[in-house]
Amino acid sequence: MHVASKHPSIDDLFVIALADFSHAIKKITNAVERGNLRQGEQLLPITMEMMRDVYVAGTDINGPEGAIMLFPSLCMEIFQKTAKNRMRVSFAVKLHSASMHKCILQYRNRISDRIPPEHFEAVLTHI
């Protein structure tokens, strides 16, 4: 990726472009939300809905009150986008976290009747 160029009018000066992580992760999360995440020219079969379905299929949300949670950093707010939580970087990061990866590995078979297992391979590779 090209990140530096010579200044057009001042000799020996370079203009450098740096990525802003918070905006980059939110942009990736928005692409996942819309089902429009691309790797090069390839559209990946990843949506926020399928990640939410895996989380909902787990025991953390459906288990008895007071039970030990396997993925305490995950919550429904990550998947329910509102004007307020859409801007929260921490929620965007959690969608792409190791906890989400482990949750998918743990519970993907519970919804395999609705989502083909090969679609989860793209998610696991992405995360």
Protein backbone atom coordinates (compact mmCIF):
# COMPACT_ATOMS: atom_id res chain seq x y z
CA MET A 1 0.00 0.00 0.00
CA HIS A 2 1.31 3.43 -0.99
CA VAL A 3 1.47 5.60 2.15
CA ALA A 4 3.98 8.35 1.33
CA SER A 5 4.56 10.68 -1.60
CA LYS A 6 6.85 13.58 -2.34
CA HIS A 7 5.25 16.93 -1.70
CA PRO A 8 4.27 18.47 -5.05
CA SER A 9 5.89 21.87 -4.46
CA ILE A 10 8.42 21.51 -1.59
CA ASP A 11 11.60 19.57 -2.24
CA ASP A 12 12.69 16.92 0.28
CA LEU A 13 9.27 16.92 1.99
CA PHE A 14 7.06 13.84 2.07
CA VAL A 15 3.33 13.66 2.67
CA ILE A 16 2.43 10.57 4.72
CA ALA A 17 -1.02 9.01 5.07
CA LEU A 18 -1.69 7.01 8.22
CA ALA A 19 -4.72 4.83 8.89
CA ASP A 20 -7.08 5.66 11.72
CA PHE A 21 -7.83 2.32 13.40
CA SER A 22 -11.12 3.39 14.98
CA HIS A 23 -12.60 4.46 11.65
CA ALA A 24 -11.16 1.45 9.83
CA ILE A 25 -12.69 -1.10 12.23
CA LYS A 26 -16.07 0.68 12.13
CA LYS A 27 -15.94 0.70 8.32
CA ILE A 28 -15.23 -3.05 8.28
CA THR A 29 -18.06 -3.62 10.77
CA ASN A 30 -20.47 -1.61 8.60
CA ALA A 31 -19.49 -3.78 5.62
CA VAL A 32 -20.19 -6.93 7.69
CA GLU A 33 -23.52 -5.46 8.79
CA ARG A 34 -24.57 -4.90 5.17
CA GLY A 35 -23.13 -8.23 3.98
CA ASN A 36 -20.75 -6.32 1.74
CA LEU A 37 -17.33 -7.36 3.06
CA ARG A 38 -14.85 -7.88 0.24
CA GLN A 39 -11.44 -9.45 0.07
CA GLY A 40 -10.00 -8.03 -3.12
CA GLU A 41 -12.73 -8.55 -5.72
CA GLN A 42 -14.32 -11.46 -3.84
CA LEU A 43 -17.47 -10.83 -1.79
CA LEU A 44 -17.19 -12.79 1.46
CA PRO A 45 -20.32 -14.62 2.71
CA ILE A 46 -20.21 -12.88 6.08
CA THR A 47 -23.06 -10.96 7.68
CA MET A 48 -23.63 -9.59 11.14
CA GLU A 49 -26.91 -11.50 11.21
CA MET A 50 -25.15 -14.87 10.96
CA MET A 51 -22.74 -13.87 13.74
CA ARG A 52 -25.67 -12.77 15.89
CA ASP A 53 -27.48 -16.06 15.21
CA VAL A 54 -24.48 -18.01 16.48
CA TYR A 55 -24.31 -15.89 19.62
CA VAL A 56 -28.05 -16.29 20.25
CA ALA A 57 -27.74 -20.06 19.76
CA GLY A 58 -25.26 -20.20 22.63
CA THR A 59 -25.89 -20.62 26.32
CA ASP A 60 -24.62 -17.17 27.34
CA ILE A 61 -27.87 -15.51 26.30
CA ASN A 62 -30.24 -18.48 26.77
CA GLY A 63 -28.78 -20.05 29.91
CA PRO A 64 -30.22 -19.79 33.40
CA GLU A 65 -29.81 -16.53 35.27
CA GLY A 66 -26.57 -16.45 37.22
CA ALA A 67 -24.94 -19.17 35.13
CA ILE A 68 -21.30 -18.85 34.17
CA MET A 69 -20.92 -17.11 30.82
CA LEU A 70 -18.42 -18.51 28.33
CA PHE A 71 -18.12 -15.23 26.42
CA PRO A 72 -18.76 -12.38 28.88
CA SER A 73 -17.32 -9.74 26.54
CA LEU A 74 -20.03 -10.41 23.94
CA CYS A 75 -23.52 -8.93 24.27
CA MET A 76 -26.57 -8.30 22.10
CA GLU A 77 -25.73 -4.59 21.80
CA ILE A 78 -22.89 -5.54 19.46
CA PHE A 79 -25.44 -6.79 16.92
CA GLN A 80 -28.30 -4.32 17.52
CA LYS A 81 -27.07 -1.18 15.85
CA THR A 82 -28.50 2.12 17.06
CA ALA A 83 -27.27 5.63 16.35
CA LYS A 84 -25.43 5.61 19.69
CA ASN A 85 -23.76 2.20 19.70
CA ARG A 86 -22.91 2.30 15.98
CA MET A 87 -20.15 4.78 16.87
CA ARG A 88 -18.72 2.72 19.75
CA VAL A 89 -15.35 1.36 18.68
CA SER A 90 -15.38 -1.21 21.48
CA PHE A 91 -18.49 -2.87 20.01
CA ALA A 92 -16.94 -2.94 16.55
CA VAL A 93 -13.78 -4.53 17.92
CA LYS A 94 -15.76 -7.19 19.82
CA LEU A 95 -17.43 -8.31 16.60
CA HIS A 96 -13.96 -9.18 15.24
CA SER A 97 -12.52 -10.48 18.51
CA ALA A 98 -11.10 -13.81 19.65
CA SER A 99 -14.25 -14.21 21.79
CA MET A 100 -16.44 -14.04 18.68
CA HIS A 101 -14.13 -16.51 16.96
CA LYS A 102 -14.43 -18.96 19.88
CA CYS A 103 -18.20 -18.45 20.06
CA ILE A 104 -18.52 -19.38 16.39
CA LEU A 105 -16.37 -22.48 16.88
CA GLN A 106 -18.45 -23.48 19.91
CA TYR A 107 -21.97 -22.93 18.56
CA ARG A 108 -21.93 -22.93 14.73
CA ASN A 109 -23.30 -26.47 14.58
CA ARG A 110 -26.45 -25.36 16.40
CA ILE A 111 -27.54 -23.31 13.39
CA SER A 112 -26.04 -25.40 10.58
CA ASP A 113 -29.58 -26.06 9.27
CA ARG A 114 -29.85 -22.33 8.37
CA ILE A 115 -26.29 -21.34 7.56
CA PRO A 116 -23.96 -23.62 5.58
CA PRO A 117 -20.77 -24.54 7.48
CA GLU A 118 -18.57 -23.28 4.62
CA HIS A 119 -19.87 -19.75 5.23
CA PHE A 120 -18.40 -19.88 8.72
CA GLU A 121 -14.99 -20.74 7.30
CA ALA A 122 -14.92 -17.28 5.71
CA VAL A 123 -15.88 -15.70 9.04
CA LEU A 124 -13.25 -17.62 10.95
CA THR A 125 -10.59 -16.70 8.39
CA HIS A 126 -11.65 -13.04 8.55
CA ILE A 127 -11.53 -12.87 12.34
